[in-house]
Amino acid sequence: MLIQSRPSEAVPAAHDRVYRSLRARIMHGEIAPGAALTLRGIGKEFSVSMTPAREAVRRLVAEGALTLSPSGRVATPELSNDRIEELAALRALLETELASRALPRAHMALIERLQTINASLAETIARADAVGYIRTNLEFHRTLYLRAQAPAMLAVAETVWLQLGPTMRKLYGRMRRAEVPPHHRLILAALKAGDEPGLRLAVRSDVTQGLRMLAG
């Protein structure tokens, strides 16, 4: 007997597709701080009805990736200096711990992979590709932290990255990088040496220095 799916069963798949795409764009700085989004615009872009568009937005608002005003305006967050400082402190706490937990499993294959990502990062800088830079930089960190085998902690760190995405794009424009972040080399050196204090310091400096300059 052939069982036909009901139309409503297609909604979760559509909503998840919209959610994941918008989430990646926000995290990678493709949308500027304070940019407004509309359900109608989202629905038109992704060829979905208002229901999956609304559900995707609801999830992103819950994660802090979007804001919802009392009037119903949906936008990417414009972070205050205090909020930037708070999120920078969270990155320092979470990511130094993730790196520390990853260190015992940081074999040469991982270090070589991180070196390859770092080379790709240099290419995005040469192209002045802000979105590519942010995406590749997060890939560098995520690749290391996956070795920590601490999925709950990594999920929280990714939520922080998500909230910072538009601000990171603003930061990139201000810093106008000409080279790969120097702390990445220190991270790689500490991994090779098995130097936990050096690794924690390099990660903490890497994830907070630019943000605190922006807040200042």
Foldseek 3Di string as FASTA:
>chain_A
DDDDDDPVVCLVVLLVVLLVVVLLCLLLQVFAAFDWDDLVNSCVVSVHDSVSSVVSQVVCCVLLQWPADPVGIIGGHDDALVRLVVLLVLQLVLLLVLLLLLLVVCDPVLLVVLVVLQVQLLVCLVVVPSSSNSVSVVVSSVSSSVSSVPVVSVVNNSSSSSSCRNVSSVLCVVVSDNHRPPLSVQCSVCSVVVPSVSNSVSSSCVSRVSSNVVSD
